[in-house]
C-alpha cells in the first residue's frame, strides 16, 4: 500500500511539472523580466 501511494504522488508531481513546463513554453504568460521583479 505504501509503495502504491508513493508511486501515485510521484506520478502526480511529474505530471504537474510537465504541465507547467509545457504551459510556459506554449502560452508564455509572463516574460522573464517580470518574473525577476516578482522574486525581488
PDB file of N, CA and C in Angstrom:
ATOM      1  N   UNK A   1       0.833  -1.211   0.000  1.00  0.00           N
ATOM      2  CA  UNK A   1       0.000   0.000   0.000  1.00  0.00           C
ATOM      3  C   UNK A   1       0.869   1.263   0.000  1.00  0.00           C
ATOM      4  N   UNK A   2       1.911   1.277   0.821  1.00  0.00           N
ATOM      5  CA  UNK A   2       2.766   2.471   0.898  1.00  0.00           C
ATOM      6  C   UNK A   2       3.462   2.724  -0.438  1.00  0.00           C
ATOM      7  N   UNK A   3       3.942   1.669  -1.083  1.00  0.00           N
ATOM      8  CA  UNK A   3       4.620   1.833  -2.372  1.00  0.00           C
ATOM      9  C   UNK A   3       3.672   2.417  -3.415  1.00  0.00           C
ATOM     10  N   UNK A   4       2.420   1.978  -3.411  1.00  0.00           N
ATOM     11  CA  UNK A   4       1.442   2.492  -4.376  1.00  0.00           C
ATOM     12  C   UNK A   4       1.179   3.975  -4.140  1.00  0.00           C
ATOM     13  N   UNK A   5       1.085   4.381  -2.867  1.00  0.00           N
ATOM     14  CA  UNK A   5       0.838   5.791  -2.543  1.00  0.00           C
ATOM     15  C   UNK A   5       2.022   6.647  -2.994  1.00  0.00           C
ATOM     16  N   UNK A   6       3.249   6.181  -2.727  1.00  0.00           N
ATOM     17  CA  UNK A   6       4.446   6.928  -3.130  1.00  0.00           C
ATOM     18  C   UNK A   6       4.485   7.057  -4.655  1.00  0.00           C
ATOM     19  N   UNK A   7       4.161   5.971  -5.366  1.00  0.00           N
ATOM     20  CA  UNK A   7       4.157   5.997  -6.825  1.00  0.00           C
ATOM     21  C   UNK A   7       3.114   6.979  -7.339  1.00  0.00           C
ATOM     22  N   UNK A   8       1.940   6.998  -6.709  1.00  0.00           N
ATOM     23  CA  UNK A   8       0.866   7.915  -7.112  1.00  0.00           C
ATOM     24  C   UNK A   8       1.304   9.364  -6.938  1.00  0.00           C
ATOM     25  N   UNK A   9       1.908   9.684  -5.782  1.00  0.00           N
ATOM     26  CA  UNK A   9       2.380  11.047  -5.520  1.00  0.00           C
ATOM     27  C   UNK A   9       3.452  11.432  -6.542  1.00  0.00           C
ATOM     28  N   UNK A  10       4.372  10.500  -6.823  1.00  0.00           N
ATOM     29  CA  UNK A  10       5.455  10.770  -7.772  1.00  0.00           C
ATOM     30  C   UNK A  10       4.897  11.075  -9.155  1.00  0.00           C
ATOM     31  N   UNK A  11       3.919  10.276  -9.601  1.00  0.00           N
ATOM     32  CA  UNK A  11       3.333  10.497 -10.924  1.00  0.00           C
ATOM     33  C   UNK A  11       2.593  11.829 -10.973  1.00  0.00           C
ATOM     34  N   UNK A  12       1.882  12.179  -9.906  1.00  0.00           N
ATOM     35  CA  UNK A  12       1.158  13.458  -9.873  1.00  0.00           C
ATOM     36  C   UNK A  12       2.129  14.629  -9.957  1.00  0.00           C
ATOM     37  N   UNK A  13       3.253  14.546  -9.224  1.00  0.00           N
ATOM     38  CA  UNK A  13       4.250  15.623  -9.243  1.00  0.00           C
ATOM     39  C   UNK A  13       4.844  15.761 -10.643  1.00  0.00           C
ATOM     40  N   UNK A  14       5.193  14.629 -11.265  1.00  0.00           N
ATOM     41  CA  UNK A  14       5.792  14.684 -12.601  1.00  0.00           C
ATOM     42  C   UNK A  14       4.810  15.256 -13.615  1.00  0.00           C
ATOM     43  N   UNK A  15       3.535  14.853 -13.527  1.00  0.00           N
ATOM     44  CA  UNK A  15       2.516  15.363 -14.452  1.00  0.00           C
ATOM     45  C   UNK A  15       2.355  16.874 -14.277  1.00  0.00           C
ATOM     46  N   UNK A  16       2.330  17.338 -13.029  1.00  0.00           N
ATOM     47  CA  UNK A  16       2.165  18.775 -12.774  1.00  0.00           C
ATOM     48  C   UNK A  16       3.376  19.557 -13.298  1.00  0.00           C
ATOM     49  N   UNK A  17       4.584  19.006 -13.115  1.00  0.00           N
ATOM     50  CA  UNK A  17       5.783  19.682 -13.611  1.00  0.00           C
ATOM     51  C   UNK A  17       5.764  19.770 -15.132  1.00  0.00           C
ATOM     52  N   UNK A  18       5.412  18.669 -15.794  1.00  0.00           N
ATOM     53  CA  UNK A  18       5.357  18.659 -17.258  1.00  0.00           C
ATOM     54  C   UNK A  18       4.294  19.634 -17.756  1.00  0.00           C
ATOM     55  N   UNK A  19       3.148  19.675 -17.070  1.00  0.00           N
ATOM     56  CA  UNK A  19       2.070  20.576 -17.483  1.00  0.00           C
ATOM     57  C   UNK A  19       2.510  22.032 -17.357  1.00  0.00           C
ATOM     58  N   UNK A  20       3.149  22.387 -16.245  1.00  0.00           N
ATOM     59  CA  UNK A  20       3.612  23.765 -16.048  1.00  0.00           C
ATOM     60  C   UNK A  20       4.698  24.115 -17.069  1.00  0.00           C
ATOM     61  N   UNK A  21       5.597  23.149 -17.365  1.00  0.00           N
ATOM     62  CA  UNK A  21       6.670  23.381 -18.334  1.00  0.00           C
ATOM     63  C   UNK A  21       6.095  23.642 -19.721  1.00  0.00           C
ATOM     64  N   UNK A  22       5.139  22.806 -20.151  1.00  0.00           N
ATOM     65  CA  UNK A  22       4.529  22.986 -21.471  1.00  0.00           C
ATOM     66  C   UNK A  22       3.721  24.281 -21.510  1.00  0.00           C
ATOM     67  N   UNK A  23       3.061  24.627 -20.408  1.00  0.00           N
ATOM     68  CA  UNK A  23       2.284  25.875 -20.352  1.00  0.00           C
ATOM     69  C   UNK A  23       3.207  27.077 -20.541  1.00  0.00           C
ATOM     70  N   UNK A  24       4.359  27.063 -19.877  1.00  0.00           N
ATOM     71  CA  UNK A  24       5.309  28.168 -20.022  1.00  0.00           C
ATOM     72  C   UNK A  24       5.822  28.260 -21.457  1.00  0.00           C
ATOM     73  N   UNK A  25       6.063  27.112 -22.101  1.00  0.00           N
ATOM     74  CA  UNK A  25       6.603  27.122 -23.464  1.00  0.00           C
ATOM     75  C   UNK A  25       5.561  27.660 -24.447  1.00  0.00           C
ATOM     76  N   UNK A  26       4.336  27.136 -24.388  1.00  0.00           N
ATOM     77  CA  UNK A  26       3.350  27.438 -25.430  1.00  0.00           C
ATOM     78  C   UNK A  26       2.654  28.777 -25.198  1.00  0.00           C
ATOM     79  N   UNK A  27       2.301  29.081 -23.952  1.00  0.00           N
ATOM     80  CA  UNK A  27       1.487  30.272 -23.695  1.00  0.00           C
ATOM     81  C   UNK A  27       2.329  31.481 -23.296  1.00  0.00           C
ATOM     82  N   UNK A  28       3.378  31.265 -22.497  1.00  0.00           N
ATOM     83  CA  UNK A  28       4.280  32.330 -22.043  1.00  0.00           C
ATOM     84  C   UNK A  28       3.486  33.500 -21.455  1.00  0.00           C
ATOM     85  N   UNK A  29       2.842  33.312 -20.292  1.00  0.00           N
ATOM     86  CA  UNK A  29       2.036  34.382 -19.715  1.00  0.00           C
ATOM     87  C   UNK A  29       2.858  35.573 -19.220  1.00  0.00           C
ATOM     88  N   UNK A  30       4.094  35.326 -18.754  1.00  0.00           N
ATOM     89  CA  UNK A  30       4.909  36.406 -18.194  1.00  0.00           C
ATOM     90  C   UNK A  30       6.326  36.333 -18.769  1.00  0.00           C
ATOM     91  N   UNK A  31       6.889  37.451 -19.206  1.00  0.00           N
ATOM     92  CA  UNK A  31       8.297  37.470 -19.616  1.00  0.00           C
ATOM     93  C   UNK A  31       9.230  37.270 -18.416  1.00  0.00           C
ATOM     94  N   UNK A  32      10.493  36.869 -18.657  1.00  0.00           N
ATOM     95  CA  UNK A  32      11.421  36.613 -17.541  1.00  0.00           C
ATOM     96  C   UNK A  32      11.710  37.847 -16.704  1.00  0.00           C
ATOM     97  N   UNK A  33      11.646  39.044 -17.302  1.00  0.00           N
ATOM     98  CA  UNK A  33      11.922  40.269 -16.543  1.00  0.00           C
ATOM     99  C   UNK A  33      10.880  40.437 -15.435  1.00  0.00           C
ATOM    100  N   UNK A  34       9.604  40.220 -15.767  1.00  0.00           N
ATOM    101  CA  UNK A  34       8.544  40.371 -14.770  1.00  0.00           C
ATOM    102  C   UNK A  34       8.688  39.325 -13.666  1.00  0.00           C
ATOM    103  N   UNK A  35       9.101  38.103 -14.028  1.00  0.00           N
ATOM    104  CA  UNK A  35       9.285  37.051 -13.020  1.00  0.00           C
ATOM    105  C   UNK A  35      10.397  37.468 -12.048  1.00  0.00           C
ATOM    106  N   UNK A  36      11.483  38.059 -12.592  1.00  0.00           N
ATOM    107  CA  UNK A  36      12.562  38.529 -11.720  1.00  0.00           C
ATOM    108  C   UNK A  36      12.067  39.632 -10.790  1.00  0.00           C
ATOM    109  N   UNK A  37      11.220  40.516 -11.308  1.00  0.00           N
ATOM    110  CA  UNK A  37      10.670  41.590 -10.472  1.00  0.00           C
ATOM    111  C   UNK A  37       9.814  41.010  -9.345  1.00  0.00           C
ATOM    112  N   UNK A  38       9.021  39.978  -9.659  1.00  0.00           N
ATOM    113  CA  UNK A  38       8.179  39.375  -8.623  1.00  0.00           C
ATOM    114  C   UNK A  38       9.036  38.691  -7.554  1.00  0.00           C
ATOM    115  N   UNK A  39      10.175  38.117  -7.962  1.00  0.00           N
ATOM    116  CA  UNK A  39      11.060  37.467  -6.985  1.00  0.00           C
ATOM    117  C   UNK A  39      11.619  38.490  -5.995  1.00  0.00           C
ATOM    118  N   UNK A  40      12.040  39.645  -6.515  1.00  0.00           N
ATOM    119  CA  UNK A  40      12.628  40.648  -5.633  1.00  0.00           C
ATOM    120  C   UNK A  40      11.551  41.623  -5.163  1.00  0.00           C
TER     121      UNK A  40
END
